[in-house]
Protein backbone atom coordinates (compact mmCIF):
# COMPACT_ATOMS: atom_id res chain seq x y z
CA UNK A 1 28.04 -9.77 -0.68
CA UNK A 2 27.22 -8.83 -4.24
CA UNK A 3 24.12 -7.56 -6.05
CA UNK A 4 23.58 -6.10 -9.52
CA UNK A 5 20.71 -4.08 -10.93
CA UNK A 6 20.41 -3.77 -14.70
CA UNK A 7 18.05 -1.96 -17.03
CA UNK A 8 17.71 -1.41 -20.76
CA UNK A 9 16.81 1.80 -22.55
CA UNK A 10 15.39 3.41 -25.65
CA UNK A 11 16.45 6.75 -27.22
CA UNK A 12 13.87 8.81 -25.32
CA UNK A 13 14.55 6.94 -22.08
CA UNK A 14 18.25 5.91 -21.94
CA UNK A 15 19.35 3.14 -19.61
CA UNK A 16 21.84 5.50 -17.94
CA UNK A 17 18.87 7.13 -16.20
CA UNK A 18 19.65 4.44 -13.64
CA UNK A 19 22.54 6.63 -12.48
CA UNK A 20 20.15 9.50 -11.71
CA UNK A 21 17.78 7.17 -9.86
CA UNK A 22 20.51 5.62 -7.72
CA UNK A 23 22.20 9.00 -7.25
CA UNK A 24 25.52 7.38 -8.20
CA UNK A 25 27.45 8.50 -11.30
CA UNK A 26 28.07 5.66 -13.81
CA UNK A 27 31.56 7.01 -14.52
CA UNK A 28 32.79 6.69 -10.95
CA UNK A 29 33.52 3.89 -8.51
CA UNK A 30 32.47 4.97 -5.02
CA UNK A 31 33.00 3.52 -1.55
CA UNK A 32 30.89 4.08 1.56
CA UNK A 33 31.78 3.15 5.12
CA UNK A 34 29.22 1.18 7.10
CA UNK A 35 29.17 -0.13 10.64
CA UNK A 36 30.06 -3.60 9.36
CA UNK A 37 32.44 -2.91 6.49
CA UNK A 38 32.64 -1.02 3.22
CA UNK A 39 30.04 -0.78 0.47
CA UNK A 40 31.37 -0.27 -3.08
CA UNK A 41 29.18 0.97 -5.95
CA UNK A 42 30.38 0.73 -9.54
CA UNK A 43 28.97 0.21 -13.04
CA UNK A 44 30.27 -2.80 -15.04
CA UNK A 45 28.44 -1.38 -18.07
CA UNK A 46 26.81 1.98 -18.80
CA UNK A 47 25.38 2.85 -22.20
CA UNK A 48 22.13 4.25 -23.50
CA UNK A 49 21.04 0.73 -24.41
CA UNK A 50 22.01 -1.11 -21.22
CA UNK A 51 23.22 -0.06 -17.79
CA UNK A 52 24.21 -2.19 -14.78
CA UNK A 53 24.92 -0.94 -11.26
CA UNK A 54 26.73 -3.23 -8.82
CA UNK A 55 26.75 -3.09 -5.02
CA UNK A 56 29.62 -4.98 -3.39
CA UNK A 57 29.49 -5.13 0.40
CA UNK A 58 32.87 -5.95 1.86
CA UNK A 59 32.09 -7.25 5.34
CA UNK A 60 34.65 -7.13 8.14
CA UNK A 61 33.97 -10.25 10.27
CA UNK A 62 36.23 -9.01 13.06
CA UNK A 63 34.28 -5.76 13.24
CA UNK A 64 31.07 -7.77 13.48
CA UNK A 65 32.38 -9.67 16.49
CA UNK A 66 33.70 -6.56 18.18
CA UNK A 67 30.38 -4.77 17.73
CA UNK A 68 28.40 -7.82 18.82
CA UNK A 69 26.74 -8.05 15.41
CA UNK A 70 27.40 -11.68 14.52
CA UNK A 71 23.94 -12.46 15.77
CA UNK A 72 20.73 -13.97 14.60
CA UNK A 73 17.12 -13.77 15.73
CA UNK A 74 16.55 -10.92 18.08
CA UNK A 75 20.29 -10.69 18.70
CA UNK A 76 20.97 -14.30 19.75
CA UNK A 77 24.15 -15.96 18.38
CA UNK A 78 23.60 -18.13 15.30
CA UNK A 79 25.67 -20.95 16.80
CA UNK A 80 28.53 -21.54 19.19
CA UNK A 81 31.12 -20.80 16.50
CA UNK A 82 29.17 -17.92 14.94
CA UNK A 83 31.86 -15.42 15.95
CA UNK A 84 34.48 -17.30 13.97
CA UNK A 85 32.75 -19.28 11.24
CA UNK A 86 29.71 -17.85 9.50
CA UNK A 87 28.44 -16.85 6.08
CA UNK A 88 28.19 -13.12 6.71
CA UNK A 89 31.11 -12.07 4.50
CA UNK A 90 29.60 -13.41 1.26
CA UNK A 91 25.93 -14.46 1.53
CA UNK A 92 23.27 -11.78 1.05
CA UNK A 93 21.49 -11.05 4.32
CA UNK A 94 20.20 -8.27 6.53
CA UNK A 95 23.66 -6.70 6.23
CA UNK A 96 23.07 -6.19 2.52
CA UNK A 97 19.53 -4.92 3.17
CA UNK A 98 20.90 -2.27 5.52
CA UNK A 99 23.54 -1.33 2.94
CA UNK A 100 20.82 -0.95 0.29
CA UNK A 101 19.00 1.50 2.53
CA UNK A 102 22.16 3.43 3.41
CA UNK A 103 23.69 3.63 -0.08
CA UNK A 104 20.56 3.80 -2.26
CA UNK A 105 18.27 5.59 0.21
CA UNK A 106 16.95 8.17 -2.26
CA UNK A 107 16.05 5.51 -4.83
CA UNK A 108 14.47 3.29 -2.19
CA UNK A 109 12.32 6.20 -1.01
CA UNK A 110 11.30 7.06 -4.58
CA UNK A 111 13.12 10.41 -4.76
CA UNK A 112 15.31 11.92 -7.44
CA UNK A 113 16.11 15.61 -7.02
CA UNK A 114 17.78 15.97 -10.42
CA UNK A 115 15.01 14.23 -12.38
CA UNK A 116 11.82 14.14 -10.24
CA UNK A 117 9.82 12.34 -12.92
CA UNK A 118 12.07 9.26 -13.00
CA UNK A 119 11.04 7.45 -9.78
CA UNK A 120 7.46 6.99 -10.99
CA UNK A 121 8.52 5.40 -14.27
CA UNK A 122 8.12 1.66 -14.67
CA UNK A 123 11.22 0.29 -16.38
CA UNK A 124 12.67 -3.12 -17.34
CA UNK A 125 14.79 -4.38 -14.45
CA UNK A 126 17.06 -7.33 -13.88
CA UNK A 127 18.32 -7.98 -10.36
CA UNK A 128 20.92 -10.68 -9.72
CA UNK A 129 22.18 -11.97 -6.38
CA UNK A 130 24.80 -14.74 -6.80
CA UNK A 131 24.58 -16.14 -3.25
CA UNK A 132 21.38 -15.84 -1.23
CA UNK A 133 20.58 -17.85 1.92
CA UNK A 134 17.14 -19.45 1.56
CA UNK A 135 15.83 -21.16 4.67
CA UNK A 136 12.90 -22.85 3.01
CA UNK A 137 14.56 -23.58 -0.30
CA UNK A 138 14.07 -22.42 -3.85
CA UNK A 139 10.31 -22.89 -3.69
CA UNK A 140 10.00 -20.36 -0.86
CA UNK A 141 12.03 -17.83 -2.84
CA UNK A 142 9.60 -18.22 -5.75
CA UNK A 143 6.62 -17.92 -3.39
CA UNK A 144 7.90 -14.68 -1.93
CA UNK A 145 8.92 -12.90 -5.14
CA UNK A 146 6.35 -14.46 -7.50
CA UNK A 147 3.32 -12.32 -6.48
CA UNK A 148 5.25 -9.03 -6.63
CA UNK A 149 5.08 -8.25 -10.34
CA UNK A 150 8.22 -9.98 -11.60
CA UNK A 151 7.71 -11.80 -14.89
CA UNK A 152 10.75 -13.98 -14.27
CA UNK A 153 11.96 -15.42 -10.95
CA UNK A 154 14.93 -17.68 -11.67
CA UNK A 155 16.20 -19.59 -8.63
CA UNK A 156 19.18 -21.93 -8.96
CA UNK A 157 20.35 -24.03 -6.04
CA UNK A 158 24.03 -23.75 -5.12
CA UNK A 159 25.58 -27.23 -4.54
CA UNK A 160 27.41 -27.94 -1.31
CA UNK A 161 30.49 -28.83 -3.31
CA UNK A 162 30.61 -29.02 -7.09
CA UNK A 163 33.30 -31.70 -6.84
CA UNK A 164 30.90 -33.99 -4.94
CA UNK A 165 27.43 -33.70 -6.45
CA UNK A 166 26.23 -36.62 -4.34
CA UNK A 167 26.39 -34.32 -1.32
CA UNK A 168 23.39 -32.44 -2.69
CA UNK A 169 22.51 -28.78 -2.56
CA UNK A 170 23.30 -26.20 0.08
CA UNK A 171 20.75 -23.81 1.59
CA UNK A 172 21.99 -21.11 -0.78
CA UNK A 173 20.57 -20.12 -4.16
CA UNK A 174 21.41 -17.82 -7.04
CA UNK A 175 18.52 -15.45 -7.67
CA UNK A 176 17.70 -13.56 -10.87
CA UNK A 177 14.60 -11.33 -11.01
CA UNK A 178 13.31 -9.86 -14.26
CA UNK A 179 10.30 -7.65 -14.87
CA UNK A 180 8.97 -4.16 -15.39
CA UNK A 181 8.72 -2.33 -12.06
CA UNK A 182 9.51 0.98 -10.47
CA UNK A 183 13.02 0.86 -9.05
CA UNK A 184 11.80 1.95 -5.61
CA UNK A 185 9.37 -0.99 -5.51
CA UNK A 186 12.14 -3.45 -6.37
CA UNK A 187 14.48 -2.03 -3.71
CA UNK A 188 11.80 -2.09 -1.01
CA UNK A 189 11.03 -5.72 -1.76
CA UNK A 190 14.71 -6.62 -1.46
CA UNK A 191 15.05 -4.58 1.74
CA UNK A 192 12.36 -6.73 3.39
CA UNK A 193 12.86 -10.13 1.79
CA UNK A 194 16.65 -10.51 2.03
CA UNK A 195 16.60 -10.88 5.84
CA UNK A 196 13.35 -12.86 5.61
CA UNK A 197 14.98 -15.52 3.41
CA UNK A 198 18.08 -15.57 5.61
CA UNK A 199 15.70 -15.85 8.61
CA UNK A 200 18.23 -14.01 10.78
CA UNK A 201 19.32 -10.46 11.56
CA UNK A 202 22.68 -9.14 12.57
CA UNK A 203 21.30 -6.65 15.08
CA UNK A 204 18.82 -6.54 17.93
CA UNK A 205 15.21 -6.36 16.71
CA UNK A 206 13.07 -3.81 18.56
CA UNK A 207 9.75 -2.03 18.10
CA UNK A 208 11.13 0.39 15.51
CA UNK A 209 11.58 -2.59 13.16
CA UNK A 210 7.78 -2.78 12.86
CA UNK A 211 7.72 0.76 11.48
CA UNK A 212 10.54 -0.04 9.05
CA UNK A 213 8.70 -3.13 7.84
CA UNK A 214 5.43 -1.31 7.24
CA UNK A 215 7.08 1.58 5.45
CA UNK A 216 9.08 -0.70 3.17
CA UNK A 217 6.08 -3.00 2.67
CA UNK A 218 3.69 -0.18 1.81
CA UNK A 219 1.70 -1.07 -1.29
CA UNK A 220 2.55 -4.79 -1.44
CA UNK A 221 3.00 -6.53 1.92
CA UNK A 222 -0.61 -6.47 3.17
CA UNK A 223 -1.86 -8.19 0.01
CA UNK A 224 0.99 -10.73 -0.18
CA UNK A 225 -0.25 -14.33 0.29
CA UNK A 226 2.66 -15.00 2.69
CA UNK A 227 2.51 -11.72 4.59
CA UNK A 228 2.29 -13.50 7.94
CA UNK A 229 5.44 -15.54 7.27
CA UNK A 230 7.26 -12.44 6.00
CA UNK A 231 6.24 -10.45 9.05
CA UNK A 232 7.23 -13.14 11.53
CA UNK A 233 10.64 -13.75 9.99
CA UNK A 234 11.44 -10.09 9.46
CA UNK A 235 10.71 -9.42 13.12
CA UNK A 236 12.88 -12.35 14.24
CA UNK A 237 9.81 -14.37 15.28
CA UNK A 238 9.19 -12.11 18.26
CA UNK A 239 5.52 -12.64 19.04
CA UNK A 240 4.61 -9.23 20.45
CA UNK A 241 6.22 -7.41 17.52
CA UNK A 242 4.62 -9.75 15.00
CA UNK A 243 1.17 -9.24 16.53
CA UNK A 244 1.66 -5.48 16.47
CA UNK A 245 2.63 -5.57 12.81
CA UNK A 246 -0.19 -7.95 11.85
CA UNK A 247 -2.79 -5.71 13.48
CA UNK A 248 -1.49 -2.73 11.55
CA UNK A 249 -1.37 -4.73 8.32
CA UNK A 250 -4.99 -5.69 8.88
CA UNK A 251 -5.81 -1.99 8.96
CA UNK A 252 -4.06 -1.63 5.63
CA UNK A 253 -5.92 -4.61 4.17
CA UNK A 254 -9.28 -3.26 5.29
CA UNK A 255 -8.37 0.17 3.92
CA UNK A 256 -7.52 -1.33 0.54
CA UNK A 257 -10.74 -3.36 0.60
CA UNK A 258 -12.83 -0.19 0.68
CA UNK A 259 -10.48 1.93 -1.42
CA UNK A 260 -9.25 4.07 1.46
CA UNK A 261 -5.80 5.08 2.65
CA UNK A 262 -4.22 4.22 5.99
CA UNK A 263 -2.49 7.31 7.29
CA UNK A 264 -0.21 5.49 9.72
CA UNK A 265 1.81 3.81 6.97
CA UNK A 266 4.36 6.19 5.49
CA UNK A 267 5.85 5.79 2.02
CA UNK A 268 9.50 6.08 3.03
CA UNK A 269 11.84 3.66 4.72
CA UNK A 270 13.69 6.53 6.38
CA UNK A 271 10.96 8.82 7.64
CA UNK A 272 13.46 11.59 8.43
CA UNK A 273 14.93 11.71 4.94
CA UNK A 274 11.85 12.61 2.92
CA UNK A 275 11.30 16.35 3.09
CA UNK A 276 9.73 16.84 -0.34
CA UNK A 277 6.07 17.70 -0.62
CA UNK A 278 3.97 14.67 -1.53
CA UNK A 279 0.79 14.73 -3.61
CA UNK A 280 -2.44 14.57 -1.60
CA UNK A 281 -3.72 10.96 -1.63
CA UNK A 282 -6.98 10.32 -3.45
CA UNK A 283 -8.59 9.08 -0.22
CA UNK A 284 -7.82 12.39 1.47
CA UNK A 285 -9.24 14.35 -1.47
CA UNK A 286 -12.33 12.18 -1.34
CA UNK A 287 -12.87 12.98 2.33
CA UNK A 288 -12.38 16.70 1.62
CA UNK A 289 -15.02 16.56 -1.13
CA UNK A 290 -17.44 14.73 1.17
CA UNK A 291 -16.94 17.21 4.01
CA UNK A 292 -17.45 20.13 1.62
CA UNK A 293 -20.70 18.63 0.30
CA UNK A 294 -21.98 17.95 3.84
CA UNK A 295 -21.22 21.52 4.92
CA UNK A 296 -22.92 22.89 1.79
CA UNK A 297 -26.01 20.81 2.64
CA UNK A 298 -26.06 22.20 6.20
CA UNK A 299 -25.94 18.70 7.66
CA UNK A 300 -25.38 18.36 11.42
CA UNK A 301 -26.39 14.73 12.09
CA UNK A 302 -24.48 12.41 9.74
CA UNK A 303 -24.38 8.67 9.02
CA UNK A 304 -21.20 7.08 7.63
CA UNK A 305 -22.58 3.89 6.10
CA UNK A 306 -19.84 1.32 5.57
CA UNK A 307 -17.49 3.32 7.79
CA UNK A 308 -14.68 0.73 7.75
CA UNK A 309 -11.97 1.68 10.21
CA UNK A 310 -13.32 5.16 10.78
CA UNK A 311 -11.23 7.62 8.75
CA UNK A 312 -14.24 9.69 7.69
CA UNK A 313 -15.76 9.54 11.19
CA UNK A 314 -12.44 10.85 12.53
CA UNK A 315 -12.49 13.74 10.05
CA UNK A 316 -16.11 14.58 10.94
CA UNK A 317 -15.27 14.68 14.63
CA UNK A 318 -12.75 17.45 14.01
CA UNK A 319 -15.54 19.75 12.78
CA UNK A 320 -17.85 20.90 15.58
CA UNK A 321 -20.60 21.71 13.08
CA UNK A 322 -21.33 17.98 12.92
CA UNK A 323 -23.16 17.42 16.20
CA UNK A 324 -23.94 13.71 15.83
CA UNK A 325 -21.89 11.19 13.88
CA UNK A 326 -22.81 7.52 13.49
CA UNK A 327 -20.52 5.00 11.83
CA UNK A 328 -22.12 1.79 10.58
CA UNK A 329 -20.36 -1.30 9.29
CA UNK A 330 -21.19 -4.98 8.89
CA UNK A 331 -17.72 -6.00 10.11
CA UNK A 332 -17.33 -6.15 13.89
CA UNK A 333 -13.56 -6.33 13.43
CA UNK A 334 -13.52 -3.17 11.33
CA UNK A 335 -15.55 -1.40 14.01
CA UNK A 336 -12.99 -2.54 16.57
CA UNK A 337 -10.24 -0.92 14.54
CA UNK A 338 -12.38 2.20 14.17
CA UNK A 339 -12.83 2.39 17.94
CA UNK A 340 -9.04 2.18 18.39
CA UNK A 341 -8.46 4.84 15.75
CA UNK A 342 -10.98 7.18 17.36
CA UNK A 343 -9.75 6.32 20.89
CA UNK A 344 -13.34 6.09 22.06
CA UNK A 345 -12.25 4.98 25.49
CA UNK A 346 -10.24 8.20 25.92
CA UNK A 347 -12.63 10.77 24.48
CA UNK A 348 -13.98 13.48 26.76
CA UNK A 349 -17.65 13.50 27.63
CA UNK A 350 -18.58 16.16 25.07
CA UNK A 351 -16.78 14.38 22.23
CA UNK A 352 -18.03 10.91 23.15
CA UNK A 353 -21.62 12.15 23.08
CA UNK A 354 -21.16 13.15 19.43
CA UNK A 355 -20.11 9.75 18.04
CA UNK A 356 -21.45 6.18 17.94
CA UNK A 357 -20.40 3.03 16.10
CA UNK A 358 -23.09 0.54 15.12
CA UNK A 359 -22.89 -2.93 13.62
CA UNK A 360 -25.40 -3.48 10.84
CA UNK A 361 -25.95 -4.57 7.27
CA UNK A 362 -26.91 -2.02 4.64
CA UNK A 363 -28.95 -4.66 2.84
CA UNK A 364 -31.66 -4.49 5.55
CA UNK A 365 -33.82 -1.67 6.85
CA UNK A 366 -32.72 -0.37 10.25
CA UNK A 367 -34.90 1.93 12.37
CA UNK A 368 -31.77 3.27 14.10
CA UNK A 369 -30.76 5.02 10.87
CA UNK A 370 -33.93 7.06 10.33
CA UNK A 371 -34.16 10.81 10.74
CA UNK A 372 -30.61 11.95 9.96
CA UNK A 373 -29.62 15.00 7.97
CA UNK A 374 -27.18 13.15 5.72
CA UNK A 375 -25.77 9.73 4.93
CA UNK A 376 -22.49 8.91 3.21
CA UNK A 377 -21.77 5.79 1.15
CA UNK A 378 -18.08 6.26 0.38
CA UNK A 379 -16.60 3.50 -1.82
CA UNK A 380 -19.28 1.07 -0.66
CA UNK A 381 -21.66 0.17 -3.47
CA UNK A 382 -18.98 -1.47 -5.65
CA UNK A 383 -18.44 -4.10 -2.92
CA UNK A 384 -22.02 -5.38 -3.31
CA UNK A 385 -23.19 -7.89 -5.87
CA UNK A 386 -25.40 -6.09 -8.36
CA UNK A 387 -28.54 -8.12 -7.45
CA UNK A 388 -28.21 -6.83 -3.86
CA UNK A 389 -28.06 -3.16 -4.80
CA UNK A 390 -31.88 -2.71 -4.79
CA UNK A 391 -31.95 -3.85 -1.14
CA UNK A 392 -29.39 -1.18 -0.23
CA UNK A 393 -31.30 1.42 -2.23
CA UNK A 394 -34.50 0.64 -0.31
CA UNK A 395 -32.76 0.58 3.09
CA UNK A 396 -31.06 3.94 2.55
CA UNK A 397 -33.30 5.94 0.20
CA UNK A 398 -36.63 4.29 0.96
CA UNK A 399 -36.48 3.56 4.73
CA UNK A 400 -33.80 5.76 6.37
CA UNK A 401 -34.49 8.68 3.99
CA UNK A 402 -31.87 11.24 5.08
CA UNK A 403 -32.26 14.70 3.53
CA UNK A 404 -28.93 14.32 1.73
CA UNK A 405 -27.13 11.20 0.52
CA UNK A 406 -23.57 11.21 -0.81
CA UNK A 407 -22.36 8.24 -2.87
CA UNK A 408 -18.78 7.89 -4.15
CA UNK A 409 -17.48 5.08 -6.33
CA UNK A 410 -14.51 4.48 -8.67
CA UNK A 411 -14.72 5.69 -12.25
CA UNK A 412 -13.64 2.65 -14.27
CA UNK A 413 -12.75 4.83 -17.25
CA UNK A 414 -9.91 6.36 -15.21
CA UNK A 415 -8.27 2.97 -14.60
CA UNK A 416 -6.17 3.32 -17.73
CA UNK A 417 -4.26 6.08 -15.93
CA UNK A 418 -3.06 3.71 -13.17
CA UNK A 419 0.25 2.36 -14.49
CA UNK A 420 0.33 -0.47 -11.93
CA UNK A 421 -3.20 -1.72 -12.76
CA UNK A 422 -3.31 -4.45 -15.45
CA UNK A 423 -5.72 -3.80 -18.30
CA UNK A 424 -9.20 -5.11 -17.64
CA UNK A 425 -8.72 -5.38 -13.86
CA UNK A 426 -10.76 -3.57 -11.23
CA UNK A 427 -8.94 -1.58 -8.55
CA UNK A 428 -9.46 -4.18 -5.82
CA UNK A 429 -10.25 -7.87 -5.88
CA UNK A 430 -13.36 -7.37 -3.72
CA UNK A 431 -14.98 -4.94 -6.18
CA UNK A 432 -17.97 -6.67 -7.76
CA UNK A 433 -18.18 -4.00 -10.44
CA UNK A 434 -16.81 -0.59 -11.40
CA UNK A 435 -18.97 1.78 -13.43
CA UNK A 436 -18.33 4.26 -16.20
CA UNK A 437 -19.57 7.80 -15.66
CA UNK A 438 -22.60 7.12 -17.85
CA UNK A 439 -23.48 3.92 -15.96
CA UNK A 440 -23.17 5.62 -12.57
CA UNK A 441 -25.28 8.59 -13.65
CA UNK A 442 -27.95 6.33 -15.09
CA UNK A 443 -28.16 4.33 -11.84
CA UNK A 444 -28.22 7.47 -9.68
CA UNK A 445 -30.88 9.16 -11.83
CA UNK A 446 -33.15 6.12 -11.56
CA UNK A 447 -32.67 5.87 -7.78
CA UNK A 448 -33.44 9.58 -7.44
CA UNK A 449 -36.57 9.26 -9.61
CA UNK A 450 -37.97 6.32 -7.64
CA UNK A 451 -37.36 7.76 -4.18
CA UNK A 452 -38.01 11.48 -4.55
CA UNK A 453 -34.51 12.93 -4.71
CA UNK A 454 -32.67 15.30 -7.02
CA UNK A 455 -29.10 14.33 -7.88
CA UNK A 456 -26.01 16.24 -8.96
CA UNK A 457 -22.55 14.93 -9.80
CA UNK A 458 -19.19 16.12 -8.52
CA UNK A 459 -15.77 14.96 -9.77
CA UNK A 460 -13.28 13.92 -7.08
CA UNK A 461 -9.58 14.14 -7.92
CA UNK A 462 -8.05 15.52 -11.08
CA UNK A 463 -10.72 15.63 -13.79
CA UNK A 464 -9.00 14.16 -16.83
CA UNK A 465 -10.42 15.67 -20.05
CA UNK A 466 -10.52 12.24 -21.71
CA UNK A 467 -11.46 9.75 -18.98
CA UNK A 468 -12.86 11.93 -16.21
CA UNK A 469 -11.96 11.92 -12.50
CA UNK A 470 -10.65 8.88 -10.58
CA UNK A 471 -13.66 9.02 -8.23
CA UNK A 472 -17.20 10.06 -9.06
CA UNK A 473 -19.61 11.40 -6.44
CA UNK A 474 -23.38 11.74 -6.57
CA UNK A 475 -25.10 14.22 -4.25
CA UNK A 476 -28.74 13.27 -3.66
CA UNK A 477 -31.06 15.90 -2.17
CA UNK A 478 -34.53 14.98 -0.97
CA UNK A 479 -37.38 16.72 -2.83
CA UNK A 480 -40.34 14.77 -1.52
CA UNK A 481 -41.63 14.31 -5.06
CA UNK A 482 -40.98 11.72 -7.73
CA UNK A 483 -39.08 12.86 -10.81
CA UNK A 484 -40.92 12.48 -14.08
CA UNK A 485 -37.90 12.10 -16.32
CA UNK A 486 -35.39 9.30 -16.66
CA UNK A 487 -32.90 11.39 -18.66
CA UNK A 488 -29.34 10.91 -17.47
CA UNK A 489 -28.16 14.23 -15.98
CA UNK A 490 -25.04 15.97 -17.16
CA UNK A 491 -22.07 16.86 -14.94
CA UNK A 492 -23.20 19.22 -12.17
CA UNK A 493 -26.91 19.08 -13.12
CA UNK A 494 -29.75 17.70 -11.00
CA UNK A 495 -31.86 14.82 -12.13
């Protein structure tokens, strides 16, 4: 099995940085023993302008038979003669995916001890696999890699026999991927999709494969149009494992839909290998800012409006100063996930008395929501069409009228700092709008004026001196009087 990874460079970013990323010196040829053969790493070319790393997996078919690894789905033999005649020695498969993880583990996990800044850099990449099994043909290969950021996905069918073209094409293809990606993203995609295209694995598939899939698929699998096919094939079409994975991917999808993080999905394929401190996710910093504002307001009875799958409700439950917590969402399915997250069926009597989940739309007044100390709208308003915002404003500020209201929303000005976000795009496809700081402050000031609130603004995340913070938060405090000015408040000032 053979795979090459190439990149080009410029003077300030030489192509030989690839050696640091892969943790393999370009001047050496190295060999690594695996349970199914020997993996060789060498560099056919290595200059500042262009660098290519090659992984050659020399498979020992006899060792596969002796270890019982010449197997397919869930460990079942590919065919009666699988022990003696198969494509394992030369066609890219789950064997190569495992070798990628074993040999390039640091790069796959996005770590580089010598040059910590390198893994986050997007760089031009070219990946070539001469022989790749493709059960589903060239079109399926394009479908799987096409949505993942590659600008070029070249798939060439390998004929059964070049001497007899009338025999047609085999189920193998030559694959060339070109694009600008982080190396870790490219390796994770290959780690998942190589066995998916082969539609077979050389080892028994158990529950831990679900965790491996979700870690390697973090950031791309949940949003992939063919995520169900990928999941089913990766897990050897085992129904109970596929259902488990799909439920967890749905959590991820819902989290992305409301701009939140899902804590269960790690960022590393080998969870035991990543010991470096990771930056605090924006979603976690957002929850910390919300909790701090609620404590400062002295709130005890709190509404989480648009609670999604319950991350904020879970954080509120950990603080005994919040005596009553109500999560509200329009999605019954999201509330089901929230109930599972919170383990409502296992809570003790004292804890269960503190929390409730309600189904309801924020576009309509709801008597159940009146009389609370505080309400939180965290990454909610941007999911509404602008003409429906006045209905939400009336339901929350006019009818429910909590003493304090917290509203967080993305700051569109900060989007230029997200390297993976194309220019002009919002952070999620379900966002109907994303506001600048001035637009958000103008809206908040007008809402406060009409409904008798004062409003102050708090940055969430690193406050960039040019474009501001990634998330902006408005803290509304009930005054009981109507403001007489429509002037847009400055940072930290009340309207």
